[in-house]
Amino acid sequence: MRHVYIRGIMSLIWLAAAIVSGVSGNFEMAGLYAILGGVFLYFAYAIWKKEKDRKGGR
């Protein structure tokens, strides 16, 4: 479960970097950071859901 938390935290860091880059006007990097944050968030959610289903007995 620890890797889910790590990926979630990393996604928040990437999304924060996207916001900072967007505010500073570097939109290309903001887009890249937003995509990376979304990918990390997606995989954290997918693994969390898989582990939740496994613990539920399904």
N, C-alpha and C. Protein backbone atom coordinates (compact mmCIF):
# COMPACT_ATOMS: atom_id res chain seq x y z
N MET A 1 0.82 -1.19 0.00
CA MET A 1 0.00 0.00 0.00
C MET A 1 0.87 1.26 0.00
N ARG A 2 2.09 1.10 0.46
CA ARG A 2 2.97 2.26 0.55
C ARG A 2 3.25 2.86 -0.82
N HIS A 3 3.37 2.01 -1.85
CA HIS A 3 3.67 2.53 -3.19
C HIS A 3 2.51 3.35 -3.75
N VAL A 4 1.30 3.07 -3.29
CA VAL A 4 0.15 3.88 -3.72
C VAL A 4 0.28 5.29 -3.16
N TYR A 5 0.68 5.38 -1.90
CA TYR A 5 0.86 6.69 -1.29
C TYR A 5 2.00 7.47 -1.95
N ILE A 6 3.08 6.75 -2.26
CA ILE A 6 4.22 7.41 -2.89
C ILE A 6 3.82 7.95 -4.26
N ARG A 7 3.11 7.14 -5.04
CA ARG A 7 2.67 7.62 -6.37
C ARG A 7 1.68 8.76 -6.24
N GLY A 8 0.82 8.72 -5.25
CA GLY A 8 -0.12 9.83 -5.03
C GLY A 8 0.59 11.12 -4.68
N ILE A 9 1.60 11.02 -3.82
CA ILE A 9 2.36 12.20 -3.44
C ILE A 9 3.14 12.74 -4.64
N MET A 10 3.73 11.83 -5.42
CA MET A 10 4.47 12.27 -6.60
C MET A 10 3.55 12.95 -7.61
N SER A 11 2.33 12.45 -7.73
CA SER A 11 1.39 13.09 -8.66
C SER A 11 1.04 14.50 -8.18
N LEU A 12 0.89 14.68 -6.88
CA LEU A 12 0.60 16.01 -6.36
C LEU A 12 1.78 16.96 -6.59
N ILE A 13 3.00 16.45 -6.48
CA ILE A 13 4.18 17.27 -6.74
C ILE A 13 4.22 17.69 -8.20
N TRP A 14 3.97 16.75 -9.12
CA TRP A 14 3.97 17.09 -10.55
C TRP A 14 2.86 18.08 -10.88
N LEU A 15 1.70 17.91 -10.27
CA LEU A 15 0.60 18.84 -10.55
C LEU A 15 0.90 20.23 -9.98
N ALA A 16 1.56 20.29 -8.83
CA ALA A 16 1.97 21.58 -8.28
C ALA A 16 3.00 22.25 -9.19
N ALA A 17 3.92 21.45 -9.73
CA ALA A 17 4.90 22.00 -10.67
C ALA A 17 4.21 22.52 -11.92
N ALA A 18 3.15 21.84 -12.35
CA ALA A 18 2.40 22.31 -13.52
C ALA A 18 1.75 23.66 -13.24
N ILE A 19 1.22 23.81 -12.06
CA ILE A 19 0.58 25.08 -11.70
C ILE A 19 1.61 26.20 -11.65
N VAL A 20 2.75 25.93 -11.02
CA VAL A 20 3.80 26.95 -10.92
C VAL A 20 4.31 27.32 -12.32
N SER A 21 4.51 26.32 -13.17
CA SER A 21 4.98 26.61 -14.53
C SER A 21 3.94 27.38 -15.32
N GLY A 22 2.67 27.05 -15.13
CA GLY A 22 1.62 27.77 -15.84
C GLY A 22 1.53 29.22 -15.40
N VAL A 23 1.68 29.45 -14.11
CA VAL A 23 1.63 30.82 -13.59
C VAL A 23 2.83 31.62 -14.09
N SER A 24 3.98 30.98 -14.18
CA SER A 24 5.18 31.70 -14.63
C SER A 24 5.21 31.89 -16.14
N GLY A 25 4.29 31.25 -16.86
CA GLY A 25 4.19 31.47 -18.29
C GLY A 25 4.85 30.41 -19.14
N ASN A 26 5.39 29.37 -18.56
CA ASN A 26 6.04 28.31 -19.30
C ASN A 26 5.01 27.21 -19.58
N PHE A 27 4.17 27.42 -20.58
CA PHE A 27 3.02 26.55 -20.80
C PHE A 27 3.39 25.18 -21.36
N GLU A 28 4.51 25.09 -22.08
CA GLU A 28 4.93 23.79 -22.60
C GLU A 28 5.28 22.84 -21.46
N MET A 29 6.05 23.35 -20.51
CA MET A 29 6.43 22.52 -19.37
C MET A 29 5.23 22.27 -18.45
N ALA A 30 4.33 23.24 -18.37
CA ALA A 30 3.14 23.04 -17.56
C ALA A 30 2.31 21.90 -18.11
N GLY A 31 2.20 21.82 -19.42
CA GLY A 31 1.47 20.72 -20.04
C GLY A 31 2.14 19.39 -19.78
N LEU A 32 3.46 19.36 -19.90
CA LEU A 32 4.21 18.12 -19.63
C LEU A 32 4.03 17.68 -18.19
N TYR A 33 4.15 18.62 -17.26
CA TYR A 33 4.00 18.30 -15.85
C TYR A 33 2.58 17.84 -15.53
N ALA A 34 1.60 18.44 -16.16
CA ALA A 34 0.21 18.03 -15.93
C ALA A 34 -0.02 16.61 -16.44
N ILE A 35 0.55 16.28 -17.58
CA ILE A 35 0.42 14.93 -18.11
C ILE A 35 1.09 13.93 -17.17
N LEU A 36 2.30 14.24 -16.72
CA LEU A 36 3.01 13.35 -15.81
C LEU A 36 2.24 13.18 -14.50
N GLY A 37 1.70 14.27 -13.98
CA GLY A 37 0.91 14.18 -12.76
C GLY A 37 -0.33 13.33 -12.95
N GLY A 38 -0.98 13.48 -14.11
CA GLY A 38 -2.16 12.67 -14.39
C GLY A 38 -1.84 11.19 -14.53
N VAL A 39 -0.70 10.89 -15.15
CA VAL A 39 -0.29 9.49 -15.30
C VAL A 39 -0.01 8.86 -13.93
N PHE A 40 0.73 9.57 -13.09
CA PHE A 40 1.01 9.05 -11.75
C PHE A 40 -0.28 8.87 -10.97
N LEU A 41 -1.19 9.83 -11.08
CA LEU A 41 -2.46 9.74 -10.36
C LEU A 41 -3.30 8.58 -10.86
N TYR A 42 -3.32 8.38 -12.17
CA TYR A 42 -4.08 7.27 -12.75
C TYR A 42 -3.56 5.92 -12.25
N PHE A 43 -2.25 5.74 -12.29
CA PHE A 43 -1.70 4.46 -11.87
C PHE A 43 -1.83 4.25 -10.37
N ALA A 44 -1.75 5.30 -9.58
CA ALA A 44 -1.97 5.16 -8.14
C ALA A 44 -3.40 4.72 -7.87
N TYR A 45 -4.35 5.31 -8.60
CA TYR A 45 -5.75 4.92 -8.42
C TYR A 45 -6.00 3.49 -8.89
N ALA A 46 -5.39 3.11 -10.01
CA ALA A 46 -5.60 1.75 -10.53
C ALA A 46 -5.06 0.71 -9.57
N ILE A 47 -3.88 0.95 -9.02
CA ILE A 47 -3.31 0.00 -8.07
C ILE A 47 -4.11 -0.03 -6.78
N TRP A 48 -4.56 1.13 -6.32
CA TRP A 48 -5.37 1.20 -5.11
C TRP A 48 -6.66 0.40 -5.29
N LYS A 49 -7.29 0.55 -6.44
CA LYS A 49 -8.55 -0.15 -6.69
C LYS A 49 -8.31 -1.66 -6.78
N LYS A 50 -7.21 -2.07 -7.42
CA LYS A 50 -6.90 -3.50 -7.53
C LYS A 50 -6.67 -4.10 -6.14
N GLU A 51 -5.93 -3.41 -5.29
CA GLU A 51 -5.68 -3.92 -3.93
C GLU A 51 -6.95 -3.92 -3.11
N LYS A 52 -7.80 -2.94 -3.31
CA LYS A 52 -9.07 -2.89 -2.58
C LYS A 52 -9.96 -4.07 -2.98
N ASP A 53 -10.00 -4.37 -4.27
CA ASP A 53 -10.79 -5.51 -4.73
C ASP A 53 -10.22 -6.82 -4.24
N ARG A 54 -8.90 -6.93 -4.19
CA ARG A 54 -8.26 -8.15 -3.72
C ARG A 54 -8.55 -8.38 -2.24
N LYS A 55 -8.56 -7.32 -1.45
CA LYS A 55 -8.84 -7.46 -0.02
C LYS A 55 -10.31 -7.73 0.25
N GLY A 56 -11.17 -7.32 -0.68
CA GLY A 56 -12.60 -7.53 -0.51
C GLY A 56 -13.05 -8.95 -0.82
N GLY A 57 -12.16 -9.76 -1.37
CA GLY A 57 -12.51 -11.15 -1.64
C GLY A 57 -13.10 -11.40 -3.00
N ARG A 58 -13.00 -10.44 -3.88
CA ARG A 58 -13.57 -10.63 -5.22
C ARG A 58 -12.61 -11.32 -6.13
